[in-house]
Amino acid sequence: MADLSINLGGIRTPNPFWLASGPPANTADQVMRAFDCGWGGAVWKTLGVPIENVSSRYGGLDYKDRRLVGLNNIELITDRPLEVNFKEIALVKKKYPHHGVIVSLMFEAKDEWKEAIRRVEETGADGIELNFGCPHGMCERGMGSAVGQEPKVLAEITSWAKEFSSIPVIVKLTPNITDITEPALAAQKAGADGISLINTIQSLMGVDLDKMVPHPIVDGKSTFGGYCGPAVKPIALQMVAKIAALSQWNLPISGIGGIENWRDAAEFIALGCTGVQVCTAVMHYGYRIVEDMLEGLENFMEEKGYQTIEDFRGAAVKNYSPWGDLNLNYKVVAHIEEEKCTGCQLCYIACLDGVYQSIRLPENGSRVPIIIEEKCVGCNLCSLICPEKCISMREVETGRPPESWNERYAKPQTQA
């Protein structure tokens, strides 16, 4: 049987699935119910000087019949007294000693960080997560992503945390930055035990065209918030991969962003993550989604012959490269399985109007489109939009050896 346990920077949990810091990890009752369902760890909703949240707080993005592809939130950190939070954290850790309890923190002054870390350690928690990612409300006060966007400040506060803490320190990064590797390397240099990413992305969800107010509406006004949910997964994967591919990188990564099922989690792990954190999917479907995650990941690992998470962690990183290293002489063309095609001709319209005019309609009355192979550039669009999934991309021999853009144009140019 596959072993799903992990060790993320000294924090050991029975499986890689953690609740991310947010509403699902706000109280002891919630976290204990999550652990009973099978979650391996939880990052407590961020503690700081308690604030008063607004109403309403969330805006949603739907697509056709798919509800909540993206979620925007303008909620901030804990609105409960710190004393209550610390008491509940200690209770959870006492009742669930083998599960990971990590406490997210966000403060301003050095003395505040020192006192908060001391109190976290008194609860018996397994680690702390420094929230340098929150993109709204707190960044205007010089915290959250305001720190995450300044590698020097991030490194300074991380060094404080390492000075004060005897338990592992995880640094949570913001995606609202040009180059994610800069704060990641700053955290590593400052002595962090691991990083987590991504936090939410600054966004404005939409506009109520009757009231002319963006969503979510708070007494006739609104503001930008943090975007999360399935729609942000590709962004999160790219940032995780970019860090994991660094030759000098040596810290564990906790992946966050749009994870809803075991396959999502496996993709993050394949790109270098030791474990993953989930929030929006729990808000949408409840804690019990972890049951399918556990079963699915275990079945996948057994099918592939992986005994531990480490057996395939980072396996895809070596295949992530700059565009200039890709083989220009590799070619695929589209192929339509005629027996599966319903003749909707969406592929024909998309190719004709949207890309390379490489599909034509037959002249014999059939509704099954025909691929013009000599014109097909292998862009994949037709296979992606086909509702019946009857179009595949097949490799064709070009007769040319592999050659990348960098190789081709690094060669001396011969004058005519």
Protein backbone atom coordinates (compact mmCIF):
# COMPACT_ATOMS: atom_id res chain seq x y z
CA MET A 1 0.00 0.00 0.00
CA ALA A 2 1.30 3.46 -0.90
CA ASP A 3 2.58 5.62 1.95
CA LEU A 4 1.02 9.11 1.70
CA SER A 5 2.83 10.61 4.69
CA ILE A 6 5.03 13.67 4.17
CA ASN A 7 7.66 15.74 5.96
CA LEU A 8 7.47 19.39 4.96
CA GLY A 9 10.38 21.22 6.51
CA GLY A 10 10.13 19.23 9.71
CA ILE A 11 6.32 19.14 9.87
CA ARG A 12 5.17 15.56 9.56
CA THR A 13 1.60 14.72 8.54
CA PRO A 14 -0.15 11.45 7.63
CA ASN A 15 -0.92 12.68 4.10
CA PRO A 16 -0.15 15.69 1.88
CA PHE A 17 -3.60 17.27 2.07
CA TRP A 18 -3.81 20.33 4.31
CA LEU A 19 -6.53 22.91 4.76
CA ALA A 20 -5.20 26.27 3.61
CA SER A 21 -5.47 29.27 5.88
CA GLY A 22 -8.97 30.65 5.42
CA PRO A 23 -12.60 30.25 6.51
CA PRO A 24 -12.52 26.39 6.59
CA ALA A 25 -9.71 26.56 9.20
CA ASN A 26 -11.19 29.30 11.35
CA THR A 27 -12.23 27.40 14.50
CA ALA A 28 -11.38 24.30 16.51
CA ASP A 29 -14.69 22.68 15.61
CA GLN A 30 -13.99 23.09 11.90
CA VAL A 31 -10.42 21.81 12.02
CA MET A 32 -11.34 18.79 14.15
CA ARG A 33 -14.16 17.86 11.79
CA ALA A 34 -11.73 18.16 8.90
CA PHE A 35 -9.25 15.86 10.61
CA ASP A 36 -12.02 13.34 11.25
CA CYS A 37 -12.71 13.34 7.50
CA GLY A 38 -9.08 12.55 6.72
CA TRP A 39 -7.21 15.84 6.22
CA GLY A 40 -3.56 15.50 7.20
CA GLY A 41 -3.02 19.05 8.40
CA ALA A 42 -4.49 22.52 8.66
CA VAL A 43 -3.10 26.02 8.45
CA TRP A 44 -5.14 28.09 10.91
CA LYS A 45 -6.84 31.20 9.57
CA THR A 46 -4.37 34.07 9.83
CA LEU A 47 -3.88 35.56 13.28
CA GLY A 48 -3.01 39.20 13.74
CA VAL A 49 -4.57 42.17 15.45
CA PRO A 50 -8.24 41.10 15.05
CA ILE A 51 -10.23 43.13 12.55
CA GLU A 52 -13.91 43.54 11.69
CA ASN A 53 -14.81 42.02 8.32
CA VAL A 54 -17.39 43.49 5.95
CA SER A 55 -20.63 42.04 4.60
CA SER A 56 -20.85 40.81 1.86
CA ARG A 57 -17.45 39.24 1.19
CA TYR A 58 -17.46 36.92 -1.85
CA GLY A 59 -18.03 37.19 -5.56
CA GLY A 60 -18.23 34.21 -7.92
CA LEU A 61 -17.35 33.50 -11.54
CA ASP A 62 -19.48 30.87 -13.30
CA TYR A 63 -18.93 29.41 -16.76
CA LYS A 64 -21.89 27.90 -18.58
CA ASP A 65 -23.11 25.05 -16.34
CA ARG A 66 -19.98 25.09 -14.14
CA ARG A 67 -20.61 26.99 -10.92
CA LEU A 68 -17.81 28.82 -9.14
CA VAL A 69 -14.93 28.41 -11.55
CA GLY A 70 -13.41 31.33 -9.68
CA LEU A 71 -14.06 32.94 -6.32
CA ASN A 72 -13.20 36.49 -5.31
CA ASN A 73 -13.04 37.34 -1.62
CA ILE A 74 -12.56 40.60 0.27
CA GLU A 75 -12.41 38.89 3.66
CA LEU A 76 -9.44 39.67 5.87
CA ILE A 77 -7.71 37.91 8.76
CA THR A 78 -9.29 36.62 11.98
CA ASP A 79 -12.08 38.62 13.55
CA ARG A 80 -11.96 36.55 16.75
CA PRO A 81 -9.94 37.39 19.89
CA LEU A 82 -6.40 36.02 19.86
CA GLU A 83 -6.94 34.44 23.26
CA VAL A 84 -9.80 32.35 21.87
CA ASN A 85 -7.76 31.30 18.85
CA PHE A 86 -4.74 30.21 20.89
CA LYS A 87 -6.93 28.25 23.29
CA GLU A 88 -8.62 26.41 20.41
CA ILE A 89 -5.32 25.68 18.63
CA ALA A 90 -3.99 24.05 21.79
CA LEU A 91 -7.17 21.99 22.10
CA VAL A 92 -6.94 20.72 18.53
CA LYS A 93 -3.28 19.79 18.85
CA LYS A 94 -3.93 17.95 22.10
CA LYS A 95 -6.75 15.90 20.58
CA TYR A 96 -5.02 15.27 17.26
CA PRO A 97 -1.30 14.93 18.06
CA HIS A 98 -0.46 13.17 14.80
CA HIS A 99 -2.02 15.77 12.51
CA GLY A 100 -0.27 18.95 11.41
CA VAL A 101 -1.44 22.17 13.00
CA ILE A 102 0.25 25.20 11.46
CA VAL A 103 -0.61 28.75 12.49
CA SER A 104 -0.68 31.57 9.94
CA LEU A 105 0.53 34.90 11.29
CA MET A 106 0.50 38.53 10.12
CA PHE A 107 1.82 41.39 12.22
CA GLU A 108 3.73 44.64 11.75
CA ALA A 109 6.24 45.31 14.52
CA LYS A 110 9.09 43.00 15.52
CA ASP A 111 7.86 42.79 19.12
CA GLU A 112 4.40 41.73 17.89
CA TRP A 113 5.93 38.91 15.85
CA LYS A 114 8.01 37.81 18.83
CA GLU A 115 5.03 37.69 21.19
CA ALA A 116 2.77 35.94 18.68
CA ILE A 117 5.35 33.26 17.94
CA ARG A 118 5.89 32.68 21.65
CA ARG A 119 2.17 32.15 22.15
CA VAL A 120 1.92 29.85 19.13
CA GLU A 121 4.68 27.66 20.52
CA GLU A 122 2.83 27.43 23.84
CA THR A 123 -0.13 25.85 22.02
CA GLY A 124 2.02 22.93 20.83
CA ALA A 125 1.46 23.82 17.17
CA ASP A 126 3.78 22.15 14.65
CA GLY A 127 4.80 25.23 12.69
CA ILE A 128 4.01 28.78 11.64
CA GLU A 129 3.21 30.23 8.24
CA LEU A 130 4.12 33.86 7.59
CA ASN A 131 1.30 35.38 5.54
CA PHE A 132 3.07 37.61 3.01
CA GLY A 133 0.39 36.99 0.40
CA CYS A 134 -2.94 38.63 1.29
CA PRO A 135 -3.62 41.02 -1.64
CA HIS A 136 -6.33 43.25 -0.19
CA GLY A 137 -7.15 45.16 2.96
CA MET A 138 -3.99 44.22 4.82
CA CYS A 139 -1.50 45.26 2.13
CA GLU A 140 -2.81 48.82 2.37
CA ARG A 141 -1.65 48.68 6.00
CA GLY A 142 1.85 47.55 5.06
CA MET A 143 1.27 43.82 5.64
CA GLY A 144 0.40 40.79 3.51
CA SER A 145 1.39 41.18 -0.13
CA ALA A 146 3.01 44.56 0.63
CA VAL A 147 5.72 42.49 2.35
CA GLY A 148 5.64 39.70 -0.25
CA GLN A 149 6.40 42.21 -3.00
CA GLU A 150 9.52 43.47 -1.20
CA PRO A 151 12.08 40.66 -0.96
CA LYS A 152 14.30 42.59 1.45
CA VAL A 153 11.46 43.23 3.89
CA LEU A 154 10.27 39.64 3.50
CA ALA A 155 13.76 38.38 4.33
CA GLU A 156 14.02 40.65 7.36
CA ILE A 157 10.74 39.48 8.90
CA THR A 158 11.54 35.86 8.04
CA SER A 159 14.84 36.22 9.88
CA TRP A 160 12.94 37.58 12.90
CA ALA A 161 10.64 34.57 12.84
CA LYS A 162 13.58 32.18 12.64
CA GLU A 163 15.23 33.98 15.53
CA PHE A 164 12.14 33.70 17.73
CA SER A 165 10.82 30.29 16.65
CA SER A 166 11.90 26.81 17.64
CA ILE A 167 9.33 25.26 15.25
CA PRO A 168 9.42 25.27 11.43
CA VAL A 169 8.74 28.54 9.60
CA ILE A 170 6.91 28.48 6.23
CA VAL A 171 6.79 31.63 4.11
CA LYS A 172 3.61 32.18 2.09
CA LEU A 173 4.24 34.05 -1.16
CA THR A 174 2.07 36.41 -3.17
CA PRO A 175 1.48 35.85 -6.91
CA ASN A 176 1.01 39.59 -7.35
CA ILE A 177 4.61 40.12 -8.38
CA THR A 178 6.64 40.18 -11.59
CA ASP A 179 9.14 37.45 -10.71
CA ILE A 180 8.08 34.88 -8.10
CA THR A 181 11.63 33.55 -7.76
CA GLU A 182 12.89 36.74 -6.09
CA PRO A 183 10.84 36.47 -2.87
CA ALA A 184 11.26 32.68 -2.89
CA LEU A 185 15.04 32.95 -2.91
CA ALA A 186 14.90 35.73 -0.32
CA ALA A 187 12.92 33.44 1.99
CA GLN A 188 15.40 30.62 1.46
CA LYS A 189 18.37 32.89 2.17
CA ALA A 190 16.70 34.16 5.34
CA GLY A 191 16.50 30.59 6.67
CA ALA A 192 12.88 29.61 6.03
CA ASP A 193 12.07 25.92 6.43
CA GLY A 194 9.73 25.94 3.43
CA ILE A 195 7.45 28.10 1.30
CA SER A 196 3.81 27.96 0.30
CA LEU A 197 2.21 29.45 -2.82
CA ILE A 198 0.18 30.87 -4.30
CA ASN A 199 -1.98 33.19 -2.27
CA THR A 200 -4.91 34.85 -4.01
CA ILE A 201 -4.58 37.11 -7.06
CA GLN A 202 -5.77 40.71 -7.05
CA SER A 203 -9.00 40.87 -9.03
CA LEU A 204 -12.32 42.55 -9.63
CA MET A 205 -14.96 39.90 -10.19
CA GLY A 206 -17.52 41.76 -12.27
CA VAL A 207 -20.05 44.59 -12.30
CA ASP A 208 -23.75 44.68 -11.46
CA LEU A 209 -24.95 46.54 -14.54
CA ASP A 210 -28.24 47.54 -12.91
CA LYS A 211 -26.63 49.08 -9.83
CA MET A 212 -23.33 49.94 -11.56
CA VAL A 213 -21.38 48.55 -8.64
CA PRO A 214 -18.65 45.87 -8.81
CA HIS A 215 -19.14 42.58 -6.95
CA PRO A 216 -19.29 41.88 -4.07
CA ILE A 217 -21.44 44.83 -3.05
CA VAL A 218 -21.00 46.44 0.37
CA ASP A 219 -23.64 49.13 0.87
CA GLY A 220 -23.42 50.36 -2.71
CA LYS A 221 -19.64 50.14 -3.05
CA SER A 222 -17.01 47.49 -3.67
CA THR A 223 -13.27 46.95 -3.91
CA PHE A 224 -10.72 44.58 -5.43
CA GLY A 225 -10.19 41.27 -3.70
CA GLY A 226 -8.32 37.98 -3.90
CA TYR A 227 -9.07 35.57 -6.77
CA CYS A 228 -8.95 31.82 -6.10
CA GLY A 229 -10.57 28.57 -7.17
CA PRO A 230 -10.05 26.24 -10.18
CA ALA A 231 -9.39 29.16 -12.54
CA VAL A 232 -6.09 30.05 -10.82
CA LYS A 233 -4.56 26.56 -10.95
CA PRO A 234 -2.56 27.16 -14.18
CA ILE A 235 -1.04 30.31 -12.68
CA ALA A 236 -0.14 28.49 -9.48
CA LEU A 237 1.44 25.57 -11.35
CA GLN A 238 3.60 27.90 -13.43
CA MET A 239 4.92 29.72 -10.36
CA VAL A 240 5.58 26.50 -8.47
CA ALA A 241 7.44 25.06 -11.46
CA LYS A 242 9.49 28.21 -11.95
CA ILE A 243 10.78 27.99 -8.38
CA ALA A 244 11.29 24.23 -8.36
CA ALA A 245 13.34 24.45 -11.55
CA LEU A 246 15.90 26.81 -9.98
CA SER A 247 19.27 25.09 -9.72
CA GLN A 248 19.89 26.63 -6.29
CA TRP A 249 16.47 25.74 -4.85
CA ASN A 250 16.50 23.34 -1.88
CA LEU A 251 13.40 24.05 0.26
CA PRO A 252 10.14 22.09 0.37
CA ILE A 253 7.09 23.67 -1.26
CA SER A 254 3.47 23.55 -0.15
CA GLY A 255 1.35 24.06 -3.27
CA ILE A 256 -1.86 26.11 -3.27
CA GLY A 257 -4.23 27.24 -6.00
CA GLY A 258 -7.35 25.66 -7.50
CA ILE A 259 -6.84 22.15 -6.13
CA GLU A 260 -10.11 20.21 -6.17
CA ASN A 261 -9.17 16.55 -6.60
CA TRP A 262 -6.35 14.02 -6.38
CA ARG A 263 -5.20 14.68 -9.94
CA ASP A 264 -4.74 18.38 -9.22
CA ALA A 265 -2.69 17.46 -6.16
CA ALA A 266 -0.57 14.96 -8.11
CA GLU A 267 0.23 17.64 -10.69
CA PHE A 268 1.49 20.01 -8.00
CA ILE A 269 3.57 17.22 -6.50
CA ALA A 270 4.99 16.28 -9.91
CA LEU A 271 6.12 19.90 -10.25
CA GLY A 272 8.01 19.82 -6.98
CA CYS A 273 5.54 20.24 -4.11
CA THR A 274 5.85 18.08 -1.01
CA GLY A 275 2.23 18.71 -0.06
CA VAL A 276 -0.78 20.82 -1.02
CA GLN A 277 -3.26 23.15 0.64
CA VAL A 278 -6.94 23.45 -0.23
CA CYS A 279 -9.47 26.15 0.63
CA THR A 280 -11.97 27.12 -2.10
CA ALA A 281 -12.90 23.53 -2.96
CA VAL A 282 -13.76 22.89 0.70
CA MET A 283 -15.86 26.04 0.77
CA HIS A 284 -17.68 24.71 -2.31
CA TYR A 285 -18.02 21.00 -1.53
CA GLY A 286 -17.18 20.44 2.15
CA TYR A 287 -14.46 18.56 4.02
CA ARG A 288 -15.37 15.12 2.70
CA ILE A 289 -13.80 15.81 -0.69
CA VAL A 290 -10.57 14.63 0.93
CA GLU A 291 -11.89 11.07 0.93
CA ASP A 292 -11.78 10.91 -2.87
CA MET A 293 -8.45 12.75 -2.86
CA LEU A 294 -6.88 10.16 -0.59
CA GLU A 295 -8.31 7.19 -2.47
CA GLY A 296 -7.46 8.63 -5.87
CA LEU A 297 -3.88 9.55 -5.00
CA GLU A 298 -3.27 6.17 -3.38
CA ASN A 299 -4.65 4.32 -6.41
CA PHE A 300 -2.55 6.45 -8.76
CA MET A 301 0.62 5.78 -6.79
CA GLU A 302 -0.01 2.04 -6.63
CA GLU A 303 -0.78 1.89 -10.35
CA LYS A 304 2.47 3.70 -11.17
CA GLY A 305 4.54 1.78 -8.64
CA TYR A 306 5.24 4.77 -6.39
CA GLN A 307 5.62 3.76 -2.76
CA THR A 308 6.00 7.27 -1.33
CA ILE A 309 5.25 10.86 -2.32
CA GLU A 310 8.97 11.39 -2.77
CA ASP A 311 9.05 8.75 -5.51
CA PHE A 312 7.38 11.12 -7.97
CA ARG A 313 7.78 14.53 -6.37
CA GLY A 314 9.37 16.83 -8.92
CA ALA A 315 9.34 14.22 -11.69
CA ALA A 316 7.93 16.74 -14.18
CA VAL A 317 10.31 19.58 -13.29
CA LYS A 318 13.05 18.35 -15.65
CA ASN A 319 10.59 18.64 -18.53
CA TYR A 320 9.73 22.26 -17.75
CA SER A 321 11.99 24.59 -19.73
CA PRO A 322 12.20 28.01 -21.37
CA TRP A 323 10.45 28.32 -24.74
CA GLY A 324 13.78 28.64 -26.48
CA ASP A 325 14.76 25.09 -25.51
CA LEU A 326 11.76 23.44 -27.20
CA ASN A 327 12.29 21.32 -30.33
CA LEU A 328 11.29 23.32 -33.42
CA ASN A 329 11.42 20.18 -35.58
CA TYR A 330 8.81 18.24 -33.61
CA LYS A 331 5.44 18.14 -35.36
CA VAL A 332 1.94 16.84 -34.62
CA VAL A 333 -1.18 17.01 -36.77
CA ALA A 334 -4.83 16.56 -35.90
CA HIS A 335 -6.67 13.29 -36.53
CA ILE A 336 -10.46 12.87 -36.43
CA GLU A 337 -11.99 9.54 -35.40
CA GLU A 338 -14.85 9.51 -37.89
CA GLU A 339 -16.92 6.91 -36.05
CA LYS A 340 -17.10 9.15 -32.96
CA CYS A 341 -17.68 12.45 -34.76
CA THR A 342 -21.24 13.81 -34.55
CA GLY A 343 -20.70 16.37 -37.29
CA CYS A 344 -21.09 19.47 -35.13
CA GLN A 345 -18.29 21.11 -37.17
CA LEU A 346 -17.10 23.27 -34.28
CA CYS A 347 -13.53 22.31 -35.18
CA TYR A 348 -14.02 23.54 -38.75
CA ILE A 349 -15.41 26.91 -37.64
CA ALA A 350 -12.70 27.40 -35.01
CA CYS A 351 -9.89 26.54 -37.40
CA LEU A 352 -11.35 28.63 -40.25
CA ASP A 353 -12.00 31.76 -38.22
CA GLY A 354 -9.65 31.43 -35.29
CA VAL A 355 -6.37 29.88 -36.39
CA TYR A 356 -4.85 28.28 -39.50
CA GLN A 357 -7.61 27.21 -41.96
CA SER A 358 -6.37 23.60 -41.84
CA ILE A 359 -9.78 21.89 -41.81
CA ARG A 360 -12.24 21.67 -44.70
CA LEU A 361 -15.72 20.28 -45.16
CA PRO A 362 -16.23 17.22 -47.40
CA GLU A 363 -17.93 17.52 -50.76
CA ASN A 364 -19.81 14.22 -50.54
CA GLY A 365 -22.47 15.40 -48.12
CA SER A 366 -20.83 13.99 -45.00
CA ARG A 367 -20.69 16.28 -41.98
CA VAL A 368 -17.35 14.90 -40.75
CA PRO A 369 -14.65 17.54 -41.37
CA ILE A 370 -11.36 16.66 -43.05
CA ILE A 371 -7.90 17.64 -41.77
CA ILE A 372 -5.63 19.24 -44.38
CA GLU A 373 -2.48 17.70 -42.98
CA GLU A 374 -0.02 19.73 -45.07
CA LYS A 375 -1.48 22.91 -43.59
CA CYS A 376 -2.02 21.70 -40.02
CA VAL A 377 0.49 23.29 -37.61
CA GLY A 378 -0.52 21.13 -34.66
CA CYS A 379 -1.85 23.99 -32.53
CA ASN A 380 -4.27 21.65 -30.63
CA LEU A 381 -7.26 24.03 -30.77
CA CYS A 382 -9.56 21.61 -32.57
CA SER A 383 -8.88 18.81 -30.09
CA LEU A 384 -9.48 21.14 -27.16
CA ILE A 385 -12.88 22.38 -28.31
CA CYS A 386 -14.24 19.06 -29.67
CA PRO A 387 -17.25 18.21 -27.45
CA GLU A 388 -16.98 14.50 -28.27
CA LYS A 389 -13.20 14.35 -27.72
CA CYS A 390 -12.82 12.56 -31.04
CA ILE A 391 -9.84 14.60 -32.24
CA SER A 392 -6.33 13.58 -31.23
CA MET A 393 -2.91 15.00 -32.07
CA ARG A 394 -0.54 12.53 -33.71
CA GLU A 395 3.18 12.88 -34.14
CA VAL A 396 4.49 12.89 -37.71
CA GLU A 397 8.06 12.35 -38.84
CA THR A 398 9.72 15.49 -40.21
CA GLY A 399 13.03 13.91 -41.14
CA ARG A 400 14.89 16.64 -39.27
CA PRO A 401 16.96 16.17 -36.09
CA PRO A 402 15.85 17.88 -32.85
CA GLU A 403 16.81 21.55 -32.82
CA SER A 404 15.73 24.32 -30.47
CA TRP A 405 15.43 28.03 -31.16
CA ASN A 406 18.43 28.63 -28.92
CA GLU A 407 20.49 26.05 -30.81
CA ARG A 408 19.44 27.28 -34.22
CA TYR A 409 20.12 30.94 -33.64
CA ALA A 410 23.18 30.49 -31.47
CA LYS A 411 25.00 29.13 -34.52
CA PRO A 412 27.17 31.50 -36.54
CA GLN A 413 25.20 32.88 -39.48
CA THR A 414 26.70 32.17 -42.90
CA GLN A 415 26.80 35.21 -45.17
CA ALA A 416 25.18 34.83 -48.59
